[in-house]
Amino acid sequence: MIDFTPNQRAEMIEHVRAYCSNELSIELGRFDAEFLVDFFTREIAPYYYNQGLLDAQAALLKRMDDVKEAIMSLEKPTP
């Protein structure tokens, strides 16, 4: 499971409670919101985490290609 600081966790819980209240007209208690945050952290967050890793890898590979091209442009012609 992905670890969050107590402050991050508290913020997520409040965001869930506010969303449920504002968008769904459901008053969710803190205890229920904690279970929902735990569910998303355990079941949904890994998909976002893994996609973030893939995005970071793609960005790094693009930069590496740019560096490779820059180095190749420095080559001098040989007879």
PDB file of N, CA and C in Angstrom:
ATOM      1  N   MET A   1       0.844  -1.174   0.000  1.00  0.00           N
ATOM      2  CA  MET A   1       0.000   0.000   0.000  1.00  0.00           C
ATOM      3  C   MET A   1       0.894   1.243   0.000  1.00  0.00           C
ATOM      4  N   ILE A   2       0.445   2.285  -0.636  1.00  0.00           N
ATOM      5  CA  ILE A   2       1.184   3.535  -0.701  1.00  0.00           C
ATOM      6  C   ILE A   2       1.058   4.237   0.646  1.00  0.00           C
ATOM      7  N   ASP A   3       2.180   4.734   1.149  1.00  0.00           N
ATOM      8  CA  ASP A   3       2.182   5.410   2.450  1.00  0.00           C
ATOM      9  C   ASP A   3       2.037   6.911   2.268  1.00  0.00           C
ATOM     10  N   PHE A   4       1.215   7.515   3.116  1.00  0.00           N
ATOM     11  CA  PHE A   4       1.040   8.956   3.148  1.00  0.00           C
ATOM     12  C   PHE A   4       1.300   9.447   4.565  1.00  0.00           C
ATOM     13  N   THR A   5       1.694  10.708   4.677  1.00  0.00           N
ATOM     14  CA  THR A   5       1.885  11.281   6.008  1.00  0.00           C
ATOM     15  C   THR A   5       0.523  11.435   6.678  1.00  0.00           C
ATOM     16  N   PRO A   6       0.495  11.535   7.990  1.00  0.00           N
ATOM     17  CA  PRO A   6      -0.793  11.758   8.665  1.00  0.00           C
ATOM     18  C   PRO A   6      -1.518  13.011   8.158  1.00  0.00           C
ATOM     19  N   ASN A   7      -0.764  14.065   7.844  1.00  0.00           N
ATOM     20  CA  ASN A   7      -1.399  15.281   7.327  1.00  0.00           C
ATOM     21  C   ASN A   7      -2.006  15.050   5.947  1.00  0.00           C
ATOM     22  N   GLN A   8      -1.289  14.340   5.077  1.00  0.00           N
ATOM     23  CA  GLN A   8      -1.827  14.040   3.751  1.00  0.00           C
ATOM     24  C   GLN A   8      -3.095  13.195   3.868  1.00  0.00           C
ATOM     25  N   ARG A   9      -3.046  12.217   4.737  1.00  0.00           N
ATOM     26  CA  ARG A   9      -4.203  11.333   4.947  1.00  0.00           C
ATOM     27  C   ARG A   9      -5.401  12.122   5.463  1.00  0.00           C
ATOM     28  N   ALA A  10      -5.173  13.002   6.410  1.00  0.00           N
ATOM     29  CA  ALA A  10      -6.259  13.824   6.951  1.00  0.00           C
ATOM     30  C   ALA A  10      -6.861  14.716   5.865  1.00  0.00           C
ATOM     31  N   GLU A  11      -5.999  15.280   5.003  1.00  0.00           N
ATOM     32  CA  GLU A  11      -6.485  16.114   3.900  1.00  0.00           C
ATOM     33  C   GLU A  11      -7.335  15.294   2.933  1.00  0.00           C
ATOM     34  N   MET A  12      -6.876  14.092   2.610  1.00  0.00           N
ATOM     35  CA  MET A  12      -7.639  13.242   1.697  1.00  0.00           C
ATOM     36  C   MET A  12      -9.004  12.900   2.281  1.00  0.00           C
ATOM     37  N   ILE A  13      -9.026  12.594   3.558  1.00  0.00           N
ATOM     38  CA  ILE A  13     -10.287  12.261   4.217  1.00  0.00           C
ATOM     39  C   ILE A  13     -11.245  13.449   4.139  1.00  0.00           C
ATOM     40  N   GLU A  14     -10.748  14.634   4.395  1.00  0.00           N
ATOM     41  CA  GLU A  14     -11.606  15.825   4.324  1.00  0.00           C
ATOM     42  C   GLU A  14     -12.072  16.104   2.900  1.00  0.00           C
ATOM     43  N   HIS A  15     -11.202  15.850   1.917  1.00  0.00           N
ATOM     44  CA  HIS A  15     -11.599  16.017   0.517  1.00  0.00           C
ATOM     45  C   HIS A  15     -12.727  15.049   0.157  1.00  0.00           C
ATOM     46  N   VAL A  16     -12.623  13.812   0.609  1.00  0.00           N
ATOM     47  CA  VAL A  16     -13.669  12.815   0.344  1.00  0.00           C
ATOM     48  C   VAL A  16     -14.970  13.242   1.002  1.00  0.00           C
ATOM     49  N   ARG A  17     -14.892  13.687   2.227  1.00  0.00           N
ATOM     50  CA  ARG A  17     -16.103  14.125   2.937  1.00  0.00           C
ATOM     51  C   ARG A  17     -16.746  15.315   2.226  1.00  0.00           C
ATOM     52  N   ALA A  18     -15.923  16.278   1.812  1.00  0.00           N
ATOM     53  CA  ALA A  18     -16.446  17.457   1.124  1.00  0.00           C
ATOM     54  C   ALA A  18     -17.051  17.070  -0.222  1.00  0.00           C
ATOM     55  N   TYR A  19     -16.391  16.200  -0.959  1.00  0.00           N
ATOM     56  CA  TYR A  19     -16.917  15.765  -2.257  1.00  0.00           C
ATOM     57  C   TYR A  19     -18.271  15.082  -2.086  1.00  0.00           C
ATOM     58  N   CYS A  20     -18.338  14.153  -1.156  1.00  0.00           N
ATOM     59  CA  CYS A  20     -19.594  13.439  -0.925  1.00  0.00           C
ATOM     60  C   CYS A  20     -20.708  14.404  -0.533  1.00  0.00           C
ATOM     61  N   SER A  21     -20.379  15.360   0.279  1.00  0.00           N
ATOM     62  CA  SER A  21     -21.372  16.343   0.713  1.00  0.00           C
ATOM     63  C   SER A  21     -21.802  17.255  -0.429  1.00  0.00           C
ATOM     64  N   ASN A  22     -20.844  17.822  -1.145  1.00  0.00           N
ATOM     65  CA  ASN A  22     -21.142  18.815  -2.179  1.00  0.00           C
ATOM     66  C   ASN A  22     -21.690  18.216  -3.467  1.00  0.00           C
ATOM     67  N   GLU A  23     -21.149  17.091  -3.876  1.00  0.00           N
ATOM     68  CA  GLU A  23     -21.517  16.517  -5.172  1.00  0.00           C
ATOM     69  C   GLU A  23     -22.582  15.434  -5.094  1.00  0.00           C
ATOM     70  N   LEU A  24     -22.634  14.732  -3.977  1.00  0.00           N
ATOM     71  CA  LEU A  24     -23.551  13.601  -3.863  1.00  0.00           C
ATOM     72  C   LEU A  24     -24.632  13.801  -2.809  1.00  0.00           C
ATOM     73  N   SER A  25     -24.545  14.916  -2.094  1.00  0.00           N
ATOM     74  CA  SER A  25     -25.489  15.212  -0.996  1.00  0.00           C
ATOM     75  C   SER A  25     -25.523  14.078   0.031  1.00  0.00           C
ATOM     76  N   ILE A  26     -24.339  13.537   0.307  1.00  0.00           N
ATOM     77  CA  ILE A  26     -24.195  12.479   1.313  1.00  0.00           C
ATOM     78  C   ILE A  26     -23.285  13.012   2.413  1.00  0.00           C
ATOM     79  N   GLU A  27     -23.774  12.961   3.641  1.00  0.00           N
ATOM     80  CA  GLU A  27     -22.942  13.358   4.777  1.00  0.00           C
ATOM     81  C   GLU A  27     -22.196  12.123   5.259  1.00  0.00           C
ATOM     82  N   LEU A  28     -20.922  12.085   4.960  1.00  0.00           N
ATOM     83  CA  LEU A  28     -20.089  10.943   5.288  1.00  0.00           C
ATOM     84  C   LEU A  28     -19.309  11.243   6.561  1.00  0.00           C
ATOM     85  N   GLY A  29     -19.393  10.353   7.525  1.00  0.00           N
ATOM     86  CA  GLY A  29     -18.647  10.523   8.760  1.00  0.00           C
ATOM     87  C   GLY A  29     -17.157  10.297   8.529  1.00  0.00           C
ATOM     88  N   ARG A  30     -16.369  10.763   9.470  1.00  0.00           N
ATOM     89  CA  ARG A  30     -14.910  10.632   9.334  1.00  0.00           C
ATOM     90  C   ARG A  30     -14.494   9.167   9.240  1.00  0.00           C
ATOM     91  N   PHE A  31     -15.105   8.328  10.046  1.00  0.00           N
ATOM     92  CA  PHE A  31     -14.762   6.898  10.062  1.00  0.00           C
ATOM     93  C   PHE A  31     -15.022   6.265   8.690  1.00  0.00           C
ATOM     94  N   ASP A  32     -16.192   6.532   8.107  1.00  0.00           N
ATOM     95  CA  ASP A  32     -16.522   5.997   6.783  1.00  0.00           C
ATOM     96  C   ASP A  32     -15.594   6.570   5.710  1.00  0.00           C
ATOM     97  N   ALA A  33     -15.270   7.846   5.825  1.00  0.00           N
ATOM     98  CA  ALA A  33     -14.369   8.477   4.862  1.00  0.00           C
ATOM     99  C   ALA A  33     -12.978   7.845   4.949  1.00  0.00           C
ATOM    100  N   GLU A  34     -12.533   7.494   6.146  1.00  0.00           N
ATOM    101  CA  GLU A  34     -11.238   6.825   6.310  1.00  0.00           C
ATOM    102  C   GLU A  34     -11.235   5.480   5.587  1.00  0.00           C
ATOM    103  N   PHE A  35     -12.314   4.727   5.711  1.00  0.00           N
ATOM    104  CA  PHE A  35     -12.401   3.446   5.019  1.00  0.00           C
ATOM    105  C   PHE A  35     -12.382   3.646   3.502  1.00  0.00           C
ATOM    106  N   LEU A  36     -13.056   4.679   3.032  1.00  0.00           N
ATOM    107  CA  LEU A  36     -13.068   4.962   1.598  1.00  0.00           C
ATOM    108  C   LEU A  36     -11.681   5.361   1.101  1.00  0.00           C
ATOM    109  N   VAL A  37     -10.980   6.188   1.870  1.00  0.00           N
ATOM    110  CA  VAL A  37      -9.612   6.573   1.511  1.00  0.00           C
ATOM    111  C   VAL A  37      -8.711   5.338   1.507  1.00  0.00           C
ATOM    112  N   ASP A  38      -8.863   4.469   2.496  1.00  0.00           N
ATOM    113  CA  ASP A  38      -8.071   3.238   2.525  1.00  0.00           C
ATOM    114  C   ASP A  38      -8.345   2.377   1.294  1.00  0.00           C
ATOM    115  N   PHE A  39      -9.622   2.277   0.898  1.00  0.00           N
ATOM    116  CA  PHE A  39      -9.984   1.513  -0.284  1.00  0.00           C
ATOM    117  C   PHE A  39      -9.307   2.086  -1.519  1.00  0.00           C
ATOM    118  N   PHE A  40      -9.429   3.404  -1.730  1.00  0.00           N
ATOM    119  CA  PHE A  40      -8.807   4.021  -2.900  1.00  0.00           C
ATOM    120  C   PHE A  40      -7.289   3.881  -2.873  1.00  0.00           C
ATOM    121  N   THR A  41      -6.709   4.012  -1.706  1.00  0.00           N
ATOM    122  CA  THR A  41      -5.256   3.886  -1.581  1.00  0.00           C
ATOM    123  C   THR A  41      -4.802   2.474  -1.930  1.00  0.00           C
ATOM    124  N   ARG A  42      -5.552   1.507  -1.486  1.00  0.00           N
ATOM    125  CA  ARG A  42      -5.190   0.107  -1.708  1.00  0.00           C
ATOM    126  C   ARG A  42      -5.536  -0.363  -3.124  1.00  0.00           C
ATOM    127  N   GLU A  43      -6.704   0.016  -3.637  1.00  0.00           N
ATOM    128  CA  GLU A  43      -7.210  -0.557  -4.883  1.00  0.00           C
ATOM    129  C   GLU A  43      -7.036   0.319  -6.118  1.00  0.00           C
ATOM    130  N   ILE A  44      -7.044   1.633  -5.975  1.00  0.00           N
ATOM    131  CA  ILE A  44      -7.031   2.543  -7.121  1.00  0.00           C
ATOM    132  C   ILE A  44      -5.683   3.248  -7.283  1.00  0.00           C
ATOM    133  N   ALA A  45      -5.110   3.686  -6.184  1.00  0.00           N
ATOM    134  CA  ALA A  45      -3.875   4.475  -6.237  1.00  0.00           C
ATOM    135  C   ALA A  45      -2.740   3.777  -6.990  1.00  0.00           C
ATOM    136  N   PRO A  46      -2.575   2.448  -6.881  1.00  0.00           N
ATOM    137  CA  PRO A  46      -1.480   1.816  -7.620  1.00  0.00           C
ATOM    138  C   PRO A  46      -1.557   2.037  -9.136  1.00  0.00           C
ATOM    139  N   TYR A  47      -2.755   2.144  -9.678  1.00  0.00           N
ATOM    140  CA  TYR A  47      -2.888   2.424 -11.114  1.00  0.00           C
ATOM    141  C   TYR A  47      -2.316   3.800 -11.446  1.00  0.00           C
ATOM    142  N   TYR A  48      -2.636   4.797 -10.622  1.00  0.00           N
ATOM    143  CA  TYR A  48      -2.104   6.148 -10.826  1.00  0.00           C
ATOM    144  C   TYR A  48      -0.589   6.178 -10.612  1.00  0.00           C
ATOM    145  N   TYR A  49      -0.130   5.474  -9.599  1.00  0.00           N
ATOM    146  CA  TYR A  49       1.300   5.421  -9.304  1.00  0.00           C
ATOM    147  C   TYR A  49       2.061   4.804 -10.481  1.00  0.00           C
ATOM    148  N   ASN A  50       1.564   3.672 -10.968  1.00  0.00           N
ATOM    149  CA  ASN A  50       2.229   2.994 -12.079  1.00  0.00           C
ATOM    150  C   ASN A  50       2.211   3.852 -13.342  1.00  0.00           C
ATOM    151  N   GLN A  51       1.102   4.542 -13.601  1.00  0.00           N
ATOM    152  CA  GLN A  51       1.049   5.422 -14.766  1.00  0.00           C
ATOM    153  C   GLN A  51       2.040   6.568 -14.604  1.00  0.00           C
ATOM    154  N   GLY A  52       2.185   7.073 -13.398  1.00  0.00           N
ATOM    155  CA  GLY A  52       3.170   8.118 -13.135  1.00  0.00           C
ATOM    156  C   GLY A  52       4.585   7.642 -13.434  1.00  0.00           C
ATOM    157  N   LEU A  53       4.876   6.400 -13.065  1.00  0.00           N
ATOM    158  CA  LEU A  53       6.191   5.831 -13.378  1.00  0.00           C
ATOM    159  C   LEU A  53       6.400   5.720 -14.885  1.00  0.00           C
ATOM    160  N   LEU A  54       5.369   5.279 -15.604  1.00  0.00           N
ATOM    161  CA  LEU A  54       5.477   5.178 -17.061  1.00  0.00           C
ATOM    162  C   LEU A  54       5.662   6.552 -17.690  1.00  0.00           C
ATOM    163  N   ASP A  55       4.944   7.548 -17.191  1.00  0.00           N
ATOM    164  CA  ASP A  55       5.089   8.911 -17.704  1.00  0.00           C
ATOM    165  C   ASP A  55       6.495   9.450 -17.438  1.00  0.00           C
ATOM    166  N   ALA A  56       7.014   9.183 -16.254  1.00  0.00           N
ATOM    167  CA  ALA A  56       8.367   9.634 -15.915  1.00  0.00           C
ATOM    168  C   ALA A  56       9.398   8.941 -16.806  1.00  0.00           C
ATOM    169  N   GLN A  57       9.208   7.662 -17.042  1.00  0.00           N
ATOM    170  CA  GLN A  57      10.131   6.921 -17.911  1.00  0.00           C
ATOM    171  C   GLN A  57      10.089   7.482 -19.330  1.00  0.00           C
ATOM    172  N   ALA A  58       8.900   7.764 -19.844  1.00  0.00           N
ATOM    173  CA  ALA A  58       8.773   8.320 -21.197  1.00  0.00           C
ATOM    174  C   ALA A  58       9.449   9.684 -21.285  1.00  0.00           C
ATOM    175  N   ALA A  59       9.264  10.515 -20.256  1.00  0.00           N
ATOM    176  CA  ALA A  59       9.892  11.844 -20.248  1.00  0.00           C
ATOM    177  C   ALA A  59      11.416  11.710 -20.223  1.00  0.00           C
ATOM    178  N   LEU A  60      11.912  10.782 -19.426  1.00  0.00           N
ATOM    179  CA  LEU A  60      13.355  10.564 -19.340  1.00  0.00           C
ATOM    180  C   LEU A  60      13.919  10.052 -20.668  1.00  0.00           C
ATOM    181  N   LEU A  61      13.219   9.115 -21.291  1.00  0.00           N
ATOM    182  CA  LEU A  61      13.678   8.594 -22.580  1.00  0.00           C
ATOM    183  C   LEU A  61      13.700   9.684 -23.644  1.00  0.00           C
ATOM    184  N   LYS A  62      12.711  10.562 -23.622  1.00  0.00           N
ATOM    185  CA  LYS A  62      12.683  11.687 -24.566  1.00  0.00           C
ATOM    186  C   LYS A  62      13.892  12.583 -24.348  1.00  0.00           C
ATOM    187  N   ARG A  63      14.181  12.892 -23.094  1.00  0.00           N
ATOM    188  CA  ARG A  63      15.352  13.723 -22.787  1.00  0.00           C
ATOM    189  C   ARG A  63      16.635  13.033 -23.228  1.00  0.00           C
ATOM    190  N   MET A  64      16.712  11.736 -23.018  1.00  0.00           N
ATOM    191  CA  MET A  64      17.914  11.002 -23.416  1.00  0.00           C
ATOM    192  C   MET A  64      18.080  11.043 -24.931  1.00  0.00           C
ATOM    193  N   ASP A  65      16.972  10.933 -25.670  1.00  0.00           N
ATOM    194  CA  ASP A  65      17.039  11.042 -27.132  1.00  0.00           C
ATOM    195  C   ASP A  65      17.519  12.426 -27.545  1.00  0.00           C
ATOM    196  N   ASP A  66      17.041  13.459 -26.847  1.00  0.00           N
ATOM    197  CA  ASP A  66      17.479  14.825 -27.146  1.00  0.00           C
ATOM    198  C   ASP A  66      18.981  14.983 -26.908  1.00  0.00           C
ATOM    199  N   VAL A  67      19.478  14.412 -25.824  1.00  0.00           N
ATOM    200  CA  VAL A  67      20.909  14.486 -25.513  1.00  0.00           C
ATOM    201  C   VAL A  67      21.704  13.719 -26.561  1.00  0.00           C
ATOM    202  N   LYS A  68      21.198  12.548 -26.939  1.00  0.00           N
ATOM    203  CA  LYS A  68      21.878  11.745 -27.960  1.00  0.00           C
ATOM    204  C   LYS A  68      21.986  12.532 -29.264  1.00  0.00           C
ATOM    205  N   GLU A  69      20.901  13.184 -29.670  1.00  0.00           N
ATOM    206  CA  GLU A  69      20.918  13.988 -30.892  1.00  0.00           C
ATOM    207  C   GLU A  69      21.884  15.166 -30.768  1.00  0.00           C
ATOM    208  N   ALA A  70      21.904  15.805 -29.608  1.00  0.00           N
ATOM    209  CA  ALA A  70      22.809  16.939 -29.396  1.00  0.00           C
ATOM    210  C   ALA A  70      24.268  16.496 -29.490  1.00  0.00           C
ATOM    211  N   ILE A  71      24.575  15.336 -28.936  1.00  0.00           N
ATOM    212  CA  ILE A  71      25.944  14.822 -29.001  1.00  0.00           C
ATOM    213  C   ILE A  71      26.302  14.453 -30.432  1.00  0.00           C
ATOM    214  N   MET A  72      25.367  13.826 -31.131  1.00  0.00           N
ATOM    215  CA  MET A  72      25.639  13.442 -32.518  1.00  0.00           C
ATOM    216  C   MET A  72      25.853  14.676 -33.399  1.00  0.00           C
ATOM    217  N   SER A  73      25.186  15.768 -33.083  1.00  0.00           N
ATOM    218  CA  SER A  73      25.352  16.986 -33.886  1.00  0.00           C
ATOM    219  C   SER A  73      26.738  17.603 -33.715  1.00  0.00           C
ATOM    220  N   LEU A  74      27.455  17.186 -32.675  1.00  0.00           N
ATOM    221  CA  LEU A  74      28.810  17.699 -32.432  1.00  0.00           C
ATOM    222  C   LEU A  74      29.873  16.934 -33.209  1.00  0.00           C
ATOM    223  N   GLU A  75      29.486  15.835 -33.810  1.00  0.00           N
ATOM    224  CA  GLU A  75      30.477  15.049 -34.544  1.00  0.00           C
ATOM    225  C   GLU A  75      31.059  15.854 -35.693  1.00  0.00           C
ATOM    226  N   LYS A  76      32.321  15.650 -35.907  1.00  0.00           N
ATOM    227  CA  LYS A  76      33.054  16.308 -37.001  1.00  0.00           C
ATOM    228  C   LYS A  76      33.164  15.352 -38.168  1.00  0.00           C
ATOM    229  N   PRO A  77      33.104  15.863 -39.376  1.00  0.00           N
ATOM    230  CA  PRO A  77      33.269  14.971 -40.526  1.00  0.00           C
ATOM    231  C   PRO A  77      34.685  14.407 -40.575  1.00  0.00           C
ATOM    232  N   THR A  78      34.781  13.212 -41.028  1.00  0.00           N
ATOM    233  CA  THR A  78      36.094  12.566 -41.172  1.00  0.00           C
ATOM    234  C   THR A  78      36.358  12.309 -42.650  1.00  0.00           C
ATOM    235  N   PRO A  79      37.634  12.360 -43.021  1.00  0.00           N
ATOM    236  CA  PRO A  79      37.956  12.127 -44.446  1.00  0.00           C
ATOM    237  C   PRO A  79      37.753  10.688 -44.854  1.00  0.00           C
TER     238      PRO A  79
END
